[in-house]
Amino acid sequence: MDKKSIENNIIDTLKSIFDPEIPVDIYQLGLIYEINIDDNADVEIVMTLTTPNCPVAESMPAEVEQKVKDTEGVNDAKVKLVFDPPWDKEMMTEEAKLELGFL
């Protein structure tokens, strides 16, 4: 499976994971900064949370890591949690902004 197909599968997986406080998936929210796939189909997801004090700060990265590991074409997955740059609502997709009434 090529990297683009794997990336598309990963994006589909990420769109199935929702922030518990906001009814929008983490991909549309802009919480995913990078999806890095190496030649062995090992994946690194660089992501953030809406705030460092997010109630799911411990469980969300673990959930993302497990679901990405279970994605077709992925050999292994790791999540790297970062808070720089800090998340803000401008990182959301147009669809997410519309859903939440920001447009």
N, C-alpha and C. Protein backbone atom coordinates (compact mmCIF):
# COMPACT_ATOMS: atom_id res chain seq x y z
N MET A 1 0.86 -1.18 0.00
CA MET A 1 0.00 0.00 0.00
C MET A 1 0.90 1.24 0.00
N ASP A 2 0.60 2.22 -0.85
CA ASP A 2 1.46 3.41 -0.91
C ASP A 2 1.14 4.38 0.22
N LYS A 3 2.09 5.30 0.44
CA LYS A 3 1.96 6.23 1.58
C LYS A 3 0.71 7.10 1.48
N LYS A 4 0.33 7.50 0.27
CA LYS A 4 -0.86 8.35 0.12
C LYS A 4 -2.12 7.59 0.54
N SER A 5 -2.21 6.31 0.16
CA SER A 5 -3.37 5.49 0.56
C SER A 5 -3.40 5.30 2.08
N ILE A 6 -2.22 5.04 2.65
CA ILE A 6 -2.14 4.89 4.11
C ILE A 6 -2.57 6.20 4.78
N GLU A 7 -2.06 7.33 4.27
CA GLU A 7 -2.42 8.63 4.85
C GLU A 7 -3.93 8.86 4.77
N ASN A 8 -4.53 8.53 3.64
CA ASN A 8 -5.99 8.70 3.51
C ASN A 8 -6.74 7.83 4.50
N ASN A 9 -6.27 6.59 4.71
CA ASN A 9 -6.89 5.71 5.71
C ASN A 9 -6.75 6.30 7.11
N ILE A 10 -5.58 6.86 7.40
CA ILE A 10 -5.34 7.46 8.72
C ILE A 10 -6.27 8.66 8.92
N ILE A 11 -6.41 9.50 7.90
CA ILE A 11 -7.31 10.67 8.00
C ILE A 11 -8.73 10.21 8.27
N ASP A 12 -9.17 9.15 7.57
CA ASP A 12 -10.51 8.61 7.83
C ASP A 12 -10.64 8.16 9.28
N THR A 13 -9.61 7.52 9.81
CA THR A 13 -9.61 7.09 11.21
C THR A 13 -9.69 8.29 12.14
N LEU A 14 -8.87 9.32 11.88
CA LEU A 14 -8.85 10.51 12.74
C LEU A 14 -10.20 11.22 12.72
N LYS A 15 -10.89 11.16 11.60
CA LYS A 15 -12.21 11.80 11.50
C LYS A 15 -13.28 11.04 12.28
N SER A 16 -12.92 9.86 12.81
CA SER A 16 -13.87 9.10 13.63
C SER A 16 -13.66 9.34 15.12
N ILE A 17 -12.67 10.18 15.46
CA ILE A 17 -12.36 10.46 16.87
C ILE A 17 -12.81 11.88 17.19
N PHE A 18 -13.67 12.01 18.18
CA PHE A 18 -14.26 13.31 18.49
C PHE A 18 -13.76 13.85 19.82
N ASP A 19 -13.58 15.17 19.85
CA ASP A 19 -13.29 15.85 21.10
C ASP A 19 -14.54 15.73 21.96
N PRO A 20 -14.42 15.31 23.22
CA PRO A 20 -15.62 15.10 24.04
C PRO A 20 -16.39 16.38 24.37
N GLU A 21 -15.73 17.52 24.28
CA GLU A 21 -16.39 18.78 24.64
C GLU A 21 -16.93 19.53 23.43
N ILE A 22 -16.47 19.17 22.24
CA ILE A 22 -16.87 19.88 21.02
C ILE A 22 -17.34 18.82 20.02
N PRO A 23 -18.52 18.95 19.45
CA PRO A 23 -19.05 17.89 18.58
C PRO A 23 -18.44 17.88 17.18
N VAL A 24 -17.13 17.92 17.11
CA VAL A 24 -16.41 17.92 15.84
C VAL A 24 -15.22 16.98 16.01
N ASP A 25 -14.85 16.27 14.92
CA ASP A 25 -13.73 15.34 15.03
C ASP A 25 -12.40 16.08 15.14
N ILE A 26 -11.40 15.38 15.64
CA ILE A 26 -10.12 16.01 15.94
C ILE A 26 -9.38 16.47 14.69
N TYR A 27 -9.64 15.82 13.54
CA TYR A 27 -8.99 16.24 12.30
C TYR A 27 -9.56 17.58 11.83
N GLN A 28 -10.90 17.69 11.82
CA GLN A 28 -11.56 18.93 11.40
C GLN A 28 -11.27 20.08 12.37
N LEU A 29 -11.05 19.73 13.65
CA LEU A 29 -10.74 20.75 14.65
C LEU A 29 -9.34 21.35 14.45
N GLY A 30 -8.51 20.66 13.68
CA GLY A 30 -7.15 21.15 13.48
C GLY A 30 -6.19 20.71 14.57
N LEU A 31 -6.54 19.66 15.29
CA LEU A 31 -5.66 19.19 16.37
C LEU A 31 -4.50 18.34 15.84
N ILE A 32 -4.61 17.89 14.59
CA ILE A 32 -3.55 17.08 13.98
C ILE A 32 -2.63 18.00 13.19
N TYR A 33 -1.40 18.11 13.63
CA TYR A 33 -0.43 18.98 12.96
C TYR A 33 0.33 18.27 11.85
N GLU A 34 0.68 17.00 12.07
CA GLU A 34 1.45 16.26 11.06
C GLU A 34 1.08 14.79 11.11
N ILE A 35 1.13 14.16 9.93
CA ILE A 35 1.03 12.71 9.81
C ILE A 35 2.29 12.29 9.07
N ASN A 36 3.22 11.66 9.77
CA ASN A 36 4.49 11.24 9.17
C ASN A 36 4.50 9.72 9.03
N ILE A 37 4.76 9.26 7.80
CA ILE A 37 4.76 7.82 7.51
C ILE A 37 6.13 7.47 6.94
N ASP A 38 6.81 6.50 7.58
CA ASP A 38 8.11 6.12 7.04
C ASP A 38 7.96 4.93 6.08
N ASP A 39 9.07 4.44 5.55
CA ASP A 39 9.03 3.38 4.54
C ASP A 39 8.55 2.04 5.08
N ASN A 40 8.54 1.89 6.41
CA ASN A 40 8.04 0.65 7.02
C ASN A 40 6.56 0.76 7.41
N ALA A 41 5.92 1.86 7.02
CA ALA A 41 4.52 2.14 7.39
C ALA A 41 4.37 2.38 8.89
N ASP A 42 5.47 2.82 9.53
CA ASP A 42 5.40 3.28 10.91
C ASP A 42 4.96 4.75 10.86
N VAL A 43 4.03 5.10 11.71
CA VAL A 43 3.39 6.42 11.64
C VAL A 43 3.67 7.21 12.91
N GLU A 44 3.95 8.49 12.73
CA GLU A 44 4.02 9.42 13.85
C GLU A 44 2.95 10.48 13.61
N ILE A 45 2.08 10.64 14.59
CA ILE A 45 1.05 11.67 14.55
C ILE A 45 1.50 12.77 15.50
N VAL A 46 1.68 13.98 14.96
CA VAL A 46 1.99 15.13 15.80
C VAL A 46 0.68 15.87 16.00
N MET A 47 0.27 15.98 17.25
CA MET A 47 -1.04 16.57 17.53
C MET A 47 -0.98 17.44 18.78
N THR A 48 -2.04 18.20 18.96
CA THR A 48 -2.18 19.01 20.15
C THR A 48 -3.57 18.76 20.73
N LEU A 49 -3.89 19.46 21.78
CA LEU A 49 -5.22 19.44 22.37
C LEU A 49 -5.72 20.88 22.40
N THR A 50 -7.01 21.07 22.60
CA THR A 50 -7.54 22.44 22.61
C THR A 50 -6.92 23.27 23.71
N THR A 51 -6.60 22.64 24.84
CA THR A 51 -5.86 23.31 25.92
C THR A 51 -4.99 22.27 26.62
N PRO A 52 -3.88 22.70 27.24
CA PRO A 52 -3.05 21.73 27.98
C PRO A 52 -3.82 21.09 29.13
N ASN A 53 -4.84 21.76 29.63
CA ASN A 53 -5.63 21.24 30.76
C ASN A 53 -6.85 20.46 30.30
N CYS A 54 -6.89 20.10 29.03
CA CYS A 54 -8.01 19.35 28.47
C CYS A 54 -8.28 18.11 29.31
N PRO A 55 -9.56 17.83 29.63
CA PRO A 55 -9.87 16.67 30.48
C PRO A 55 -9.43 15.33 29.87
N VAL A 56 -9.20 15.29 28.56
CA VAL A 56 -8.78 14.03 27.92
C VAL A 56 -7.29 14.05 27.57
N ALA A 57 -6.53 14.89 28.26
CA ALA A 57 -5.09 15.04 27.95
C ALA A 57 -4.34 13.72 28.03
N GLU A 58 -4.78 12.83 28.90
CA GLU A 58 -4.09 11.54 29.01
C GLU A 58 -4.72 10.49 28.10
N SER A 59 -6.04 10.47 28.00
CA SER A 59 -6.68 9.41 27.24
C SER A 59 -6.72 9.65 25.73
N MET A 60 -6.85 10.90 25.30
CA MET A 60 -6.98 11.19 23.87
C MET A 60 -5.76 10.72 23.06
N PRO A 61 -4.53 11.09 23.44
CA PRO A 61 -3.38 10.61 22.65
C PRO A 61 -3.30 9.08 22.58
N ALA A 62 -3.62 8.41 23.67
CA ALA A 62 -3.60 6.94 23.68
C ALA A 62 -4.66 6.38 22.75
N GLU A 63 -5.85 6.99 22.73
CA GLU A 63 -6.92 6.56 21.83
C GLU A 63 -6.51 6.76 20.37
N VAL A 64 -5.93 7.92 20.08
CA VAL A 64 -5.48 8.20 18.71
C VAL A 64 -4.42 7.18 18.30
N GLU A 65 -3.45 6.96 19.17
CA GLU A 65 -2.37 6.01 18.86
C GLU A 65 -2.93 4.62 18.57
N GLN A 66 -3.83 4.15 19.40
CA GLN A 66 -4.38 2.80 19.21
C GLN A 66 -5.20 2.70 17.93
N LYS A 67 -6.04 3.68 17.67
CA LYS A 67 -6.89 3.63 16.47
C LYS A 67 -6.06 3.75 15.20
N VAL A 68 -5.01 4.57 15.23
CA VAL A 68 -4.14 4.67 14.05
C VAL A 68 -3.38 3.35 13.85
N LYS A 69 -2.92 2.72 14.93
CA LYS A 69 -2.25 1.42 14.83
C LYS A 69 -3.14 0.39 14.16
N ASP A 70 -4.44 0.47 14.44
CA ASP A 70 -5.40 -0.49 13.91
C ASP A 70 -5.86 -0.15 12.49
N THR A 71 -5.35 0.94 11.92
CA THR A 71 -5.75 1.38 10.59
C THR A 71 -5.08 0.53 9.52
N GLU A 72 -5.83 0.20 8.49
CA GLU A 72 -5.30 -0.61 7.39
C GLU A 72 -4.06 0.03 6.78
N GLY A 73 -3.01 -0.78 6.64
CA GLY A 73 -1.78 -0.31 6.03
C GLY A 73 -0.74 0.19 7.02
N VAL A 74 -1.15 0.41 8.27
CA VAL A 74 -0.23 0.96 9.28
C VAL A 74 0.46 -0.19 10.01
N ASN A 75 1.78 -0.11 10.10
CA ASN A 75 2.56 -1.10 10.83
C ASN A 75 2.57 -0.79 12.33
N ASP A 76 2.90 0.46 12.67
CA ASP A 76 2.95 0.89 14.07
C ASP A 76 2.64 2.38 14.11
N ALA A 77 2.27 2.87 15.28
CA ALA A 77 1.94 4.29 15.40
C ALA A 77 2.37 4.83 16.75
N LYS A 78 2.80 6.07 16.72
CA LYS A 78 3.14 6.80 17.94
C LYS A 78 2.53 8.19 17.83
N VAL A 79 2.12 8.72 18.96
CA VAL A 79 1.59 10.08 19.01
C VAL A 79 2.58 10.96 19.73
N LYS A 80 2.87 12.09 19.13
CA LYS A 80 3.72 13.10 19.77
C LYS A 80 2.80 14.28 20.09
N LEU A 81 2.62 14.54 21.38
CA LEU A 81 1.74 15.62 21.83
C LEU A 81 2.57 16.89 21.99
N VAL A 82 2.14 17.96 21.32
CA VAL A 82 2.85 19.24 21.39
C VAL A 82 1.85 20.36 21.73
N PHE A 83 2.36 21.43 22.31
CA PHE A 83 1.51 22.59 22.60
C PHE A 83 2.09 23.85 21.98
N ASP A 84 3.02 23.68 21.05
CA ASP A 84 3.60 24.80 20.33
C ASP A 84 3.61 24.44 18.86
N PRO A 85 2.86 25.09 18.00
CA PRO A 85 2.07 26.27 18.34
C PRO A 85 0.79 25.89 19.08
N PRO A 86 0.32 26.78 19.96
CA PRO A 86 -0.93 26.49 20.66
C PRO A 86 -2.11 26.48 19.69
N TRP A 87 -3.06 25.59 19.98
CA TRP A 87 -4.25 25.50 19.13
C TRP A 87 -5.11 26.74 19.30
N ASP A 88 -5.70 27.20 18.20
CA ASP A 88 -6.78 28.19 18.30
C ASP A 88 -7.80 27.90 17.21
N LYS A 89 -8.95 28.53 17.31
CA LYS A 89 -10.06 28.17 16.42
C LYS A 89 -9.77 28.44 14.95
N GLU A 90 -8.76 29.22 14.65
CA GLU A 90 -8.40 29.46 13.24
C GLU A 90 -7.83 28.20 12.58
N MET A 91 -7.45 27.22 13.37
CA MET A 91 -6.90 25.98 12.83
C MET A 91 -7.99 25.02 12.37
N MET A 92 -9.24 25.32 12.69
CA MET A 92 -10.35 24.45 12.30
C MET A 92 -10.61 24.58 10.80
N THR A 93 -11.14 23.50 10.22
CA THR A 93 -11.55 23.55 8.83
C THR A 93 -12.80 24.43 8.72
N GLU A 94 -13.08 24.87 7.49
CA GLU A 94 -14.29 25.66 7.26
C GLU A 94 -15.53 24.88 7.71
N GLU A 95 -15.52 23.57 7.44
CA GLU A 95 -16.65 22.72 7.82
C GLU A 95 -16.87 22.73 9.34
N ALA A 96 -15.78 22.64 10.10
CA ALA A 96 -15.88 22.65 11.56
C ALA A 96 -16.37 24.01 12.06
N LYS A 97 -15.86 25.08 11.46
CA LYS A 97 -16.30 26.43 11.86
C LYS A 97 -17.78 26.59 11.60
N LEU A 98 -18.24 26.09 10.47
CA LEU A 98 -19.66 26.18 10.12
C LEU A 98 -20.49 25.38 11.11
N GLU A 99 -20.04 24.18 11.42
CA GLU A 99 -20.74 23.28 12.37
C GLU A 99 -20.89 23.95 13.73
N LEU A 100 -19.87 24.68 14.16
CA LEU A 100 -19.88 25.29 15.49
C LEU A 100 -20.41 26.72 15.49
N GLY A 101 -20.84 27.20 14.32
CA GLY A 101 -21.44 28.52 14.25
C GLY A 101 -20.45 29.67 14.22
N PHE A 102 -19.19 29.39 13.84
CA PHE A 102 -18.20 30.45 13.74
C PHE A 102 -18.25 31.17 12.39
N LEU A 103 -19.02 30.65 11.46
CA LEU A 103 -19.13 31.30 10.13
C LEU A 103 -20.54 31.81 9.91
